Amino acid sequence: MSIKKLRLHGSVSSRGEASDHITLPGDAVVIERGRPRWLLLACPCGCGEKLPINLDPRAGPAWRIYRRQRSGVSLFPSVWRESGCKSHFVIWRNKIFLFGIGDANMDDPLQDAEMDALRRAVYERLSERNIVSYTSIAESLDAVPWDVLNICRQLVRSGLAREGKDKQRGSFGRASTT
């Protein structure tokens, strides 16, 4: 996996305006007309294509954009191009994690008071009896799903949580105390 920087060049009201701001891989602009409609992104692989990513669920399957003052821009779910360069990537905390290149990972220690509060809230939502998907936890907390997944996996590594297997991968519960 290769890690690139997302460079968000603001918001505009039309795609024509957006194209002028997109030159280098990782450059992006949000197209907004009353609400976010599209994220126009120069493909992070460097192929030169400008990718329109739908942010408006009224226009079909859509991604959700998270813009946070302290942690930057995240997009959920991942983007997996089915044509062209076939890139697969995640945008998380102003970084683009491009899968299939190099061997970095998406683990982030997330050490600050805001993330400590999120870590406690995530742990409180875990049950010893059942497992729940990280996306459901994120939704209930209005949190970035990638942050919640990272926290859940940290809790597993520390022995405080468990992750489901096979089709239940990405679902978590508290580790048994017995």
N, C-alpha and C. Protein backbone atom coordinates (compact mmCIF):
# COMPACT_ATOMS: atom_id res chain seq x y z
N MET A 1 0.85 -1.17 0.00
CA MET A 1 0.00 0.00 0.00
C MET A 1 0.89 1.24 0.00
N SER A 2 0.52 2.19 -0.80
CA SER A 2 1.21 3.47 -0.87
C SER A 2 0.35 4.51 -0.18
N ILE A 3 0.97 5.47 0.48
CA ILE A 3 0.23 6.53 1.16
C ILE A 3 0.54 7.85 0.47
N LYS A 4 -0.51 8.52 0.05
CA LYS A 4 -0.39 9.83 -0.60
C LYS A 4 -1.16 10.85 0.22
N LYS A 5 -0.91 12.11 -0.04
CA LYS A 5 -1.63 13.18 0.65
C LYS A 5 -2.81 13.63 -0.19
N LEU A 6 -3.97 13.78 0.47
CA LEU A 6 -5.13 14.37 -0.17
C LEU A 6 -4.97 15.88 -0.06
N ARG A 7 -5.13 16.56 -1.17
CA ARG A 7 -5.06 18.02 -1.19
C ARG A 7 -6.43 18.55 -1.63
N LEU A 8 -7.26 18.88 -0.64
CA LEU A 8 -8.59 19.39 -0.93
C LEU A 8 -8.49 20.88 -1.19
N HIS A 9 -8.87 21.29 -2.39
CA HIS A 9 -8.77 22.69 -2.82
C HIS A 9 -10.08 23.44 -2.66
N GLY A 10 -10.89 23.05 -1.69
CA GLY A 10 -12.11 23.77 -1.39
C GLY A 10 -13.34 23.24 -2.08
N SER A 11 -14.36 24.11 -2.15
CA SER A 11 -15.65 23.76 -2.73
C SER A 11 -15.98 24.73 -3.86
N VAL A 12 -16.65 24.20 -4.87
CA VAL A 12 -17.13 25.00 -6.00
C VAL A 12 -18.55 24.56 -6.31
N SER A 13 -19.21 25.27 -7.23
CA SER A 13 -20.60 24.92 -7.51
C SER A 13 -20.79 24.15 -8.82
N SER A 14 -19.73 23.99 -9.62
CA SER A 14 -19.88 23.24 -10.87
C SER A 14 -18.62 22.43 -11.18
N ARG A 15 -18.82 21.39 -12.00
CA ARG A 15 -17.69 20.55 -12.37
C ARG A 15 -16.68 21.33 -13.22
N GLY A 16 -17.18 22.24 -14.03
CA GLY A 16 -16.28 23.07 -14.84
C GLY A 16 -15.31 23.86 -13.97
N GLU A 17 -15.81 24.43 -12.90
CA GLU A 17 -14.95 25.16 -11.96
C GLU A 17 -13.97 24.21 -11.27
N ALA A 18 -14.43 23.00 -10.95
CA ALA A 18 -13.62 22.04 -10.20
C ALA A 18 -12.40 21.59 -11.01
N SER A 19 -12.59 21.35 -12.30
CA SER A 19 -11.50 20.83 -13.13
C SER A 19 -10.28 21.73 -13.13
N ASP A 20 -10.48 23.03 -12.99
CA ASP A 20 -9.35 23.96 -12.98
C ASP A 20 -8.43 23.76 -11.78
N HIS A 21 -8.92 23.17 -10.70
CA HIS A 21 -8.15 23.01 -9.47
C HIS A 21 -7.46 21.64 -9.37
N ILE A 22 -7.76 20.75 -10.29
CA ILE A 22 -7.28 19.37 -10.20
C ILE A 22 -6.13 19.18 -11.19
N THR A 23 -4.91 19.08 -10.69
CA THR A 23 -3.76 18.88 -11.59
C THR A 23 -2.89 17.70 -11.20
N LEU A 24 -2.62 17.53 -9.91
CA LEU A 24 -1.71 16.48 -9.45
C LEU A 24 -2.48 15.33 -8.80
N PRO A 25 -1.93 14.11 -8.82
CA PRO A 25 -2.59 12.99 -8.13
C PRO A 25 -2.87 13.35 -6.67
N GLY A 26 -4.12 13.15 -6.26
CA GLY A 26 -4.52 13.46 -4.89
C GLY A 26 -5.18 14.82 -4.73
N ASP A 27 -5.15 15.65 -5.79
CA ASP A 27 -5.88 16.92 -5.75
C ASP A 27 -7.38 16.63 -5.78
N ALA A 28 -8.16 17.40 -5.03
CA ALA A 28 -9.60 17.17 -4.97
C ALA A 28 -10.35 18.48 -4.73
N VAL A 29 -11.59 18.50 -5.18
CA VAL A 29 -12.51 19.61 -4.97
C VAL A 29 -13.89 19.03 -4.70
N VAL A 30 -14.62 19.62 -3.76
CA VAL A 30 -16.00 19.22 -3.50
C VAL A 30 -16.90 20.13 -4.34
N ILE A 31 -17.81 19.51 -5.07
CA ILE A 31 -18.80 20.25 -5.83
C ILE A 31 -20.07 20.28 -4.98
N GLU A 32 -20.48 21.50 -4.60
CA GLU A 32 -21.62 21.67 -3.71
C GLU A 32 -22.63 22.62 -4.34
N ARG A 33 -23.87 22.23 -4.25
CA ARG A 33 -25.00 23.10 -4.58
C ARG A 33 -26.03 22.87 -3.49
N GLY A 34 -25.85 23.61 -2.38
CA GLY A 34 -26.73 23.44 -1.22
C GLY A 34 -26.29 22.30 -0.31
N ARG A 35 -25.65 21.32 -0.86
CA ARG A 35 -25.12 20.17 -0.12
C ARG A 35 -24.01 19.56 -0.96
N PRO A 36 -23.14 18.76 -0.37
CA PRO A 36 -22.09 18.12 -1.17
C PRO A 36 -22.70 17.18 -2.22
N ARG A 37 -22.32 17.36 -3.49
CA ARG A 37 -22.84 16.52 -4.58
C ARG A 37 -21.79 15.55 -5.10
N TRP A 38 -20.59 16.05 -5.30
CA TRP A 38 -19.51 15.24 -5.89
C TRP A 38 -18.18 15.61 -5.25
N LEU A 39 -17.28 14.64 -5.20
CA LEU A 39 -15.87 14.89 -4.92
C LEU A 39 -15.17 14.61 -6.24
N LEU A 40 -14.53 15.60 -6.82
CA LEU A 40 -13.75 15.39 -8.03
C LEU A 40 -12.31 15.24 -7.59
N LEU A 41 -11.72 14.10 -7.94
CA LEU A 41 -10.39 13.72 -7.44
C LEU A 41 -9.50 13.31 -8.59
N ALA A 42 -8.29 13.85 -8.63
CA ALA A 42 -7.28 13.37 -9.58
C ALA A 42 -6.82 12.01 -9.04
N CYS A 43 -6.98 10.96 -9.85
CA CYS A 43 -6.69 9.60 -9.39
C CYS A 43 -5.33 9.55 -8.71
N PRO A 44 -5.27 8.99 -7.51
CA PRO A 44 -4.02 8.97 -6.75
C PRO A 44 -2.94 8.07 -7.35
N CYS A 45 -3.32 7.19 -8.30
CA CYS A 45 -2.31 6.31 -8.88
C CYS A 45 -1.42 7.04 -9.88
N GLY A 46 -1.87 8.22 -10.34
CA GLY A 46 -1.09 8.99 -11.30
C GLY A 46 -1.47 8.75 -12.74
N CYS A 47 -2.57 8.02 -12.99
CA CYS A 47 -2.98 7.71 -14.36
C CYS A 47 -3.48 8.94 -15.11
N GLY A 48 -3.79 10.03 -14.38
CA GLY A 48 -4.23 11.26 -15.01
C GLY A 48 -5.74 11.44 -15.09
N GLU A 49 -6.51 10.42 -14.72
CA GLU A 49 -7.97 10.56 -14.78
C GLU A 49 -8.49 11.39 -13.61
N LYS A 50 -9.58 12.10 -13.89
CA LYS A 50 -10.28 12.85 -12.86
C LYS A 50 -11.53 12.05 -12.50
N LEU A 51 -11.60 11.62 -11.24
CA LEU A 51 -12.68 10.74 -10.81
C LEU A 51 -13.79 11.52 -10.14
N PRO A 52 -15.00 11.46 -10.69
CA PRO A 52 -16.15 12.05 -9.99
C PRO A 52 -16.71 11.00 -9.02
N ILE A 53 -16.74 11.33 -7.75
CA ILE A 53 -17.23 10.41 -6.71
C ILE A 53 -18.52 10.99 -6.15
N ASN A 54 -19.61 10.25 -6.32
CA ASN A 54 -20.93 10.72 -5.91
C ASN A 54 -21.04 10.82 -4.39
N LEU A 55 -21.47 11.98 -3.90
CA LEU A 55 -21.69 12.20 -2.47
C LEU A 55 -23.17 12.39 -2.14
N ASP A 56 -24.02 12.32 -3.15
CA ASP A 56 -25.45 12.60 -2.98
C ASP A 56 -26.27 11.32 -3.13
N PRO A 57 -26.77 10.74 -2.02
CA PRO A 57 -27.52 9.48 -2.10
C PRO A 57 -28.79 9.57 -2.95
N ARG A 58 -29.28 10.77 -3.21
CA ARG A 58 -30.46 10.92 -4.07
C ARG A 58 -30.13 10.61 -5.53
N ALA A 59 -28.83 10.58 -5.87
CA ALA A 59 -28.41 10.34 -7.26
C ALA A 59 -27.89 8.92 -7.46
N GLY A 60 -28.16 8.02 -6.52
CA GLY A 60 -27.71 6.63 -6.64
C GLY A 60 -26.73 6.29 -5.53
N PRO A 61 -26.04 5.14 -5.66
CA PRO A 61 -25.07 4.75 -4.63
C PRO A 61 -24.06 5.88 -4.39
N ALA A 62 -23.86 6.20 -3.10
CA ALA A 62 -23.04 7.36 -2.78
C ALA A 62 -22.05 7.05 -1.67
N TRP A 63 -20.96 7.80 -1.67
CA TRP A 63 -19.98 7.77 -0.60
C TRP A 63 -20.36 8.86 0.39
N ARG A 64 -19.87 8.71 1.61
CA ARG A 64 -20.10 9.75 2.62
C ARG A 64 -18.78 10.45 2.89
N ILE A 65 -18.82 11.77 2.86
CA ILE A 65 -17.62 12.55 3.14
C ILE A 65 -17.71 13.06 4.58
N TYR A 66 -16.60 13.00 5.28
CA TYR A 66 -16.48 13.51 6.64
C TYR A 66 -15.43 14.61 6.61
N ARG A 67 -15.81 15.81 7.01
CA ARG A 67 -14.85 16.92 7.08
C ARG A 67 -14.78 17.35 8.53
N ARG A 68 -13.64 17.06 9.16
CA ARG A 68 -13.45 17.36 10.57
C ARG A 68 -12.35 18.40 10.72
N GLN A 69 -12.58 19.35 11.60
CA GLN A 69 -11.62 20.43 11.83
C GLN A 69 -10.24 19.88 12.18
N ARG A 70 -10.19 18.94 13.12
CA ARG A 70 -8.89 18.47 13.63
C ARG A 70 -8.27 17.37 12.78
N SER A 71 -9.08 16.49 12.21
CA SER A 71 -8.50 15.33 11.53
C SER A 71 -8.60 15.38 10.01
N GLY A 72 -9.27 16.38 9.46
CA GLY A 72 -9.30 16.53 8.01
C GLY A 72 -10.44 15.77 7.35
N VAL A 73 -10.21 15.38 6.10
CA VAL A 73 -11.23 14.77 5.26
C VAL A 73 -11.07 13.25 5.23
N SER A 74 -12.21 12.56 5.35
CA SER A 74 -12.27 11.11 5.17
C SER A 74 -13.46 10.82 4.26
N LEU A 75 -13.38 9.70 3.55
CA LEU A 75 -14.44 9.27 2.64
C LEU A 75 -14.74 7.81 2.94
N PHE A 76 -16.02 7.46 2.95
CA PHE A 76 -16.41 6.07 3.22
C PHE A 76 -17.52 5.68 2.27
N PRO A 77 -17.47 4.45 1.70
CA PRO A 77 -16.44 3.42 1.85
C PRO A 77 -15.23 3.70 0.95
N SER A 78 -14.41 2.67 0.76
CA SER A 78 -13.24 2.80 -0.11
C SER A 78 -13.70 2.99 -1.56
N VAL A 79 -12.80 3.47 -2.38
CA VAL A 79 -13.07 3.64 -3.81
C VAL A 79 -12.32 2.52 -4.53
N TRP A 80 -13.06 1.76 -5.33
CA TRP A 80 -12.47 0.66 -6.09
C TRP A 80 -12.90 0.82 -7.53
N ARG A 81 -11.99 1.29 -8.35
CA ARG A 81 -12.30 1.55 -9.75
C ARG A 81 -12.43 0.23 -10.51
N GLU A 82 -13.52 0.08 -11.22
CA GLU A 82 -13.75 -1.14 -11.98
C GLU A 82 -13.25 -1.04 -13.41
N SER A 83 -12.84 0.16 -13.83
CA SER A 83 -12.30 0.35 -15.17
C SER A 83 -11.03 1.18 -15.07
N GLY A 84 -10.47 1.52 -16.22
CA GLY A 84 -9.26 2.33 -16.22
C GLY A 84 -8.13 1.65 -15.49
N CYS A 85 -7.52 2.36 -14.54
CA CYS A 85 -6.36 1.83 -13.82
C CYS A 85 -6.72 0.79 -12.76
N LYS A 86 -8.02 0.67 -12.43
CA LYS A 86 -8.54 -0.30 -11.44
C LYS A 86 -7.98 -0.07 -10.03
N SER A 87 -7.64 1.16 -9.72
CA SER A 87 -7.11 1.50 -8.39
C SER A 87 -8.14 1.20 -7.31
N HIS A 88 -7.62 0.88 -6.12
CA HIS A 88 -8.44 0.70 -4.93
C HIS A 88 -7.78 1.52 -3.83
N PHE A 89 -8.55 2.42 -3.22
CA PHE A 89 -7.96 3.27 -2.21
C PHE A 89 -8.98 3.72 -1.17
N VAL A 90 -8.45 4.17 -0.03
CA VAL A 90 -9.22 4.71 1.08
C VAL A 90 -8.72 6.14 1.31
N ILE A 91 -9.65 7.06 1.54
CA ILE A 91 -9.29 8.41 1.95
C ILE A 91 -9.64 8.53 3.42
N TRP A 92 -8.61 8.78 4.25
CA TRP A 92 -8.79 8.81 5.69
C TRP A 92 -7.84 9.83 6.29
N ARG A 93 -8.39 10.82 6.97
CA ARG A 93 -7.61 11.84 7.68
C ARG A 93 -6.61 12.55 6.77
N ASN A 94 -7.10 13.00 5.60
CA ASN A 94 -6.29 13.72 4.60
C ASN A 94 -5.18 12.88 3.99
N LYS A 95 -5.28 11.57 4.11
CA LYS A 95 -4.33 10.66 3.47
C LYS A 95 -5.09 9.75 2.53
N ILE A 96 -4.41 9.34 1.45
CA ILE A 96 -4.98 8.38 0.52
C ILE A 96 -4.13 7.11 0.63
N PHE A 97 -4.78 6.02 1.03
CA PHE A 97 -4.11 4.73 1.16
C PHE A 97 -4.42 3.95 -0.10
N LEU A 98 -3.43 3.82 -0.98
CA LEU A 98 -3.60 3.18 -2.28
C LEU A 98 -3.15 1.73 -2.13
N PHE A 99 -4.10 0.80 -2.23
CA PHE A 99 -3.81 -0.61 -2.01
C PHE A 99 -3.06 -1.22 -3.19
N GLY A 100 -2.26 -2.24 -2.89
CA GLY A 100 -1.55 -2.97 -3.93
C GLY A 100 -0.19 -2.39 -4.27
N ILE A 101 0.24 -1.33 -3.58
CA ILE A 101 1.54 -0.72 -3.86
C ILE A 101 2.28 -0.57 -2.54
N GLY A 102 3.49 -1.12 -2.45
CA GLY A 102 4.27 -1.01 -1.22
C GLY A 102 3.67 -1.88 -0.13
N ASP A 103 4.07 -1.61 1.11
CA ASP A 103 3.57 -2.45 2.20
C ASP A 103 3.32 -1.64 3.47
N ALA A 104 2.81 -0.43 3.34
CA ALA A 104 2.38 0.33 4.52
C ALA A 104 1.01 -0.19 4.95
N ASN A 105 0.55 0.21 6.11
CA ASN A 105 -0.80 -0.18 6.53
C ASN A 105 -1.58 1.03 7.00
N MET A 106 -2.85 0.83 7.28
CA MET A 106 -3.73 1.94 7.67
C MET A 106 -3.80 2.11 9.18
N ASP A 107 -2.95 1.47 9.93
CA ASP A 107 -3.02 1.59 11.37
C ASP A 107 -2.53 2.97 11.80
N ASP A 108 -3.26 3.60 12.68
CA ASP A 108 -2.92 4.93 13.17
C ASP A 108 -3.16 4.94 14.67
N PRO A 109 -2.15 5.27 15.47
CA PRO A 109 -2.34 5.22 16.92
C PRO A 109 -3.37 6.20 17.48
N LEU A 110 -3.71 7.25 16.76
CA LEU A 110 -4.78 8.17 17.15
C LEU A 110 -4.69 8.58 18.62
N GLN A 111 -3.67 9.31 18.99
CA GLN A 111 -3.48 9.70 20.38
C GLN A 111 -3.82 11.16 20.59
N ASP A 112 -5.02 11.43 21.04
CA ASP A 112 -5.40 12.76 21.53
C ASP A 112 -6.68 12.59 22.34
N ALA A 113 -7.08 13.65 23.03
CA ALA A 113 -8.22 13.56 23.93
C ALA A 113 -9.51 13.21 23.18
N GLU A 114 -9.68 13.76 21.98
CA GLU A 114 -10.88 13.46 21.19
C GLU A 114 -10.95 11.98 20.84
N MET A 115 -9.82 11.41 20.46
CA MET A 115 -9.80 9.99 20.09
C MET A 115 -9.92 9.10 21.32
N ASP A 116 -9.39 9.55 22.45
CA ASP A 116 -9.57 8.77 23.69
C ASP A 116 -11.05 8.69 24.05
N ALA A 117 -11.78 9.80 23.87
CA ALA A 117 -13.22 9.80 24.13
C ALA A 117 -13.94 8.88 23.16
N LEU A 118 -13.53 8.89 21.89
CA LEU A 118 -14.14 8.00 20.90
C LEU A 118 -13.83 6.54 21.24
N ARG A 119 -12.60 6.27 21.68
CA ARG A 119 -12.21 4.91 22.06
C ARG A 119 -13.11 4.39 23.18
N ARG A 120 -13.37 5.23 24.19
CA ARG A 120 -14.25 4.84 25.30
C ARG A 120 -15.68 4.59 24.80
N ALA A 121 -16.16 5.48 23.92
CA ALA A 121 -17.53 5.33 23.40
C ALA A 121 -17.66 4.06 22.56
N VAL A 122 -16.65 3.75 21.77
CA VAL A 122 -16.68 2.52 20.96
C VAL A 122 -16.71 1.31 21.89
N TYR A 123 -15.84 1.29 22.88
CA TYR A 123 -15.78 0.15 23.80
C TYR A 123 -17.12 -0.05 24.52
N GLU A 124 -17.77 1.05 24.90
CA GLU A 124 -19.08 0.96 25.58
C GLU A 124 -20.14 0.32 24.69
N ARG A 125 -20.00 0.43 23.39
CA ARG A 125 -20.99 -0.13 22.48
C ARG A 125 -20.73 -1.60 22.15
N LEU A 126 -19.63 -2.14 22.62
CA LEU A 126 -19.34 -3.55 22.38
C LEU A 126 -20.01 -4.40 23.45
N SER A 127 -20.51 -5.55 23.03
CA SER A 127 -21.20 -6.47 23.92
C SER A 127 -20.38 -7.75 24.07
N GLU A 128 -20.46 -8.39 25.23
CA GLU A 128 -19.79 -9.69 25.40
C GLU A 128 -20.53 -10.79 24.66
N ARG A 129 -21.85 -10.63 24.50
CA ARG A 129 -22.65 -11.72 23.90
C ARG A 129 -22.71 -11.65 22.39
N ASN A 130 -22.82 -10.47 21.84
CA ASN A 130 -23.01 -10.31 20.40
C ASN A 130 -21.86 -9.53 19.79
N ILE A 131 -21.80 -9.56 18.46
CA ILE A 131 -20.85 -8.71 17.77
C ILE A 131 -21.64 -7.75 16.89
N VAL A 132 -21.06 -6.58 16.65
CA VAL A 132 -21.71 -5.54 15.86
C VAL A 132 -20.69 -4.98 14.87
N SER A 133 -21.16 -4.59 13.70
CA SER A 133 -20.25 -4.08 12.68
C SER A 133 -19.70 -2.71 13.07
N TYR A 134 -18.47 -2.47 12.66
CA TYR A 134 -17.86 -1.18 12.95
C TYR A 134 -18.63 -0.05 12.27
N THR A 135 -19.27 -0.33 11.15
CA THR A 135 -20.04 0.72 10.47
C THR A 135 -21.27 1.10 11.29
N SER A 136 -21.90 0.13 11.95
CA SER A 136 -23.04 0.43 12.82
C SER A 136 -22.61 1.26 14.02
N ILE A 137 -21.47 0.91 14.58
CA ILE A 137 -20.95 1.68 15.72
C ILE A 137 -20.65 3.11 15.28
N ALA A 138 -20.00 3.25 14.13
CA ALA A 138 -19.66 4.59 13.62
C ALA A 138 -20.92 5.41 13.39
N GLU A 139 -21.91 4.78 12.79
CA GLU A 139 -23.18 5.48 12.53
C GLU A 139 -23.81 5.97 13.83
N SER A 140 -23.82 5.12 14.86
CA SER A 140 -24.45 5.50 16.13
C SER A 140 -23.70 6.63 16.83
N LEU A 141 -22.41 6.77 16.53
CA LEU A 141 -21.59 7.81 17.16
C LEU A 141 -21.35 9.02 16.25
N ASP A 142 -21.88 8.97 15.02
CA ASP A 142 -21.58 9.98 14.01
C ASP A 142 -20.06 10.16 13.88
N ALA A 143 -19.37 9.02 13.80
CA ALA A 143 -17.91 9.01 13.73
C ALA A 143 -17.46 8.51 12.36
N VAL A 144 -16.24 8.81 12.01
CA VAL A 144 -15.65 8.32 10.76
C VAL A 144 -15.47 6.81 10.89
N PRO A 145 -16.04 6.02 9.99
CA PRO A 145 -15.93 4.56 10.10
C PRO A 145 -14.48 4.05 10.16
N TRP A 146 -13.57 4.69 9.43
CA TRP A 146 -12.17 4.23 9.47
C TRP A 146 -11.58 4.42 10.86
N ASP A 147 -11.96 5.49 11.58
CA ASP A 147 -11.50 5.69 12.95
C ASP A 147 -12.02 4.57 13.85
N VAL A 148 -13.30 4.24 13.69
CA VAL A 148 -13.91 3.20 14.53
C VAL A 148 -13.29 1.84 14.24
N LEU A 149 -13.07 1.51 12.97
CA LEU A 149 -12.42 0.23 12.63
C LEU A 149 -11.03 0.17 13.24
N ASN A 150 -10.28 1.25 13.14
CA ASN A 150 -8.93 1.28 13.70
C ASN A 150 -8.97 1.07 15.22
N ILE A 151 -9.88 1.74 15.89
CA ILE A 151 -10.02 1.58 17.35
C ILE A 151 -10.41 0.15 17.70
N CYS A 152 -11.37 -0.42 16.98
CA CYS A 152 -11.79 -1.81 17.25
C CYS A 152 -10.60 -2.77 17.11
N ARG A 153 -9.81 -2.59 16.08
CA ARG A 153 -8.66 -3.48 15.88
C ARG A 153 -7.60 -3.27 16.96
N GLN A 154 -7.44 -2.04 17.44
CA GLN A 154 -6.53 -1.79 18.57
C GLN A 154 -7.04 -2.50 19.82
N LEU A 155 -8.36 -2.46 20.04
CA LEU A 155 -8.95 -3.14 21.20
C LEU A 155 -8.74 -4.65 21.11
N VAL A 156 -8.83 -5.21 19.90
CA VAL A 156 -8.57 -6.64 19.71
C VAL A 156 -7.12 -6.95 20.06
N ARG A 157 -6.19 -6.15 19.54
CA ARG A 157 -4.76 -6.40 19.81
C ARG A 157 -4.43 -6.30 21.29
N SER A 158 -5.17 -5.45 22.03
CA SER A 158 -4.90 -5.29 23.46
C SER A 158 -5.67 -6.31 24.31
N GLY A 159 -6.46 -7.19 23.65
CA GLY A 159 -7.18 -8.23 24.37
C GLY A 159 -8.52 -7.79 24.96
N LEU A 160 -8.96 -6.58 24.64
CA LEU A 160 -10.22 -6.08 25.20
C LEU A 160 -11.43 -6.38 24.31
N ALA A 161 -11.18 -6.76 23.07
CA ALA A 161 -12.28 -7.03 22.14
C ALA A 161 -11.92 -8.23 21.28
N ARG A 162 -12.94 -8.70 20.55
CA ARG A 162 -12.75 -9.81 19.61
C ARG A 162 -13.40 -9.42 18.29
N GLU A 163 -12.88 -9.98 17.20
CA GLU A 163 -13.44 -9.72 15.88
C GLU A 163 -14.04 -11.00 15.33
N GLY A 164 -15.16 -10.86 14.63
CA GLY A 164 -15.79 -12.01 14.00
C GLY A 164 -14.89 -12.61 12.93
N LYS A 165 -15.19 -13.81 12.53
CA LYS A 165 -14.42 -14.53 11.51
C LYS A 165 -15.20 -14.58 10.20
N ASP A 166 -14.50 -14.83 9.12
CA ASP A 166 -15.08 -15.02 7.79
C ASP A 166 -16.06 -13.90 7.44
N LYS A 167 -17.34 -14.23 7.25
CA LYS A 167 -18.33 -13.23 6.85
C LYS A 167 -18.63 -12.22 7.94
N GLN A 168 -18.21 -12.50 9.15
CA GLN A 168 -18.45 -11.58 10.26
C GLN A 168 -17.21 -10.71 10.55
N ARG A 169 -16.20 -10.81 9.67
CA ARG A 169 -15.03 -9.95 9.82
C ARG A 169 -15.49 -8.50 9.71
N GLY A 170 -14.96 -7.63 10.56
CA GLY A 170 -15.41 -6.25 10.59
C GLY A 170 -16.50 -6.02 11.62
N SER A 171 -16.90 -7.10 12.32
CA SER A 171 -17.86 -7.00 13.42
C SER A 171 -17.12 -7.34 14.72
N PHE A 172 -17.46 -6.64 15.77
CA PHE A 172 -16.66 -6.74 17.01
C PHE A 172 -17.56 -6.88 18.23
N GLY A 173 -16.98 -7.49 19.27
CA GLY A 173 -17.62 -7.61 20.56
C GLY A 173 -16.56 -7.50 21.63
N ARG A 174 -16.98 -7.38 22.87
CA ARG A 174 -16.00 -7.37 23.98
C ARG A 174 -15.41 -8.76 24.13
N ALA A 175 -14.18 -8.79 24.56
CA ALA A 175 -13.54 -10.07 24.86
C ALA A 175 -14.21 -10.66 26.10
N SER A 176 -14.34 -11.98 26.14
CA SER A 176 -14.95 -12.62 27.30
C SER A 176 -14.08 -12.42 28.51
N THR A 177 -14.73 -12.23 29.65
CA THR A 177 -14.00 -12.06 30.91
C THR A 177 -13.88 -13.38 31.66
N THR A 178 -14.42 -14.45 31.08
CA THR A 178 -14.35 -15.76 31.76
C THR A 178 -13.23 -16.57 31.21
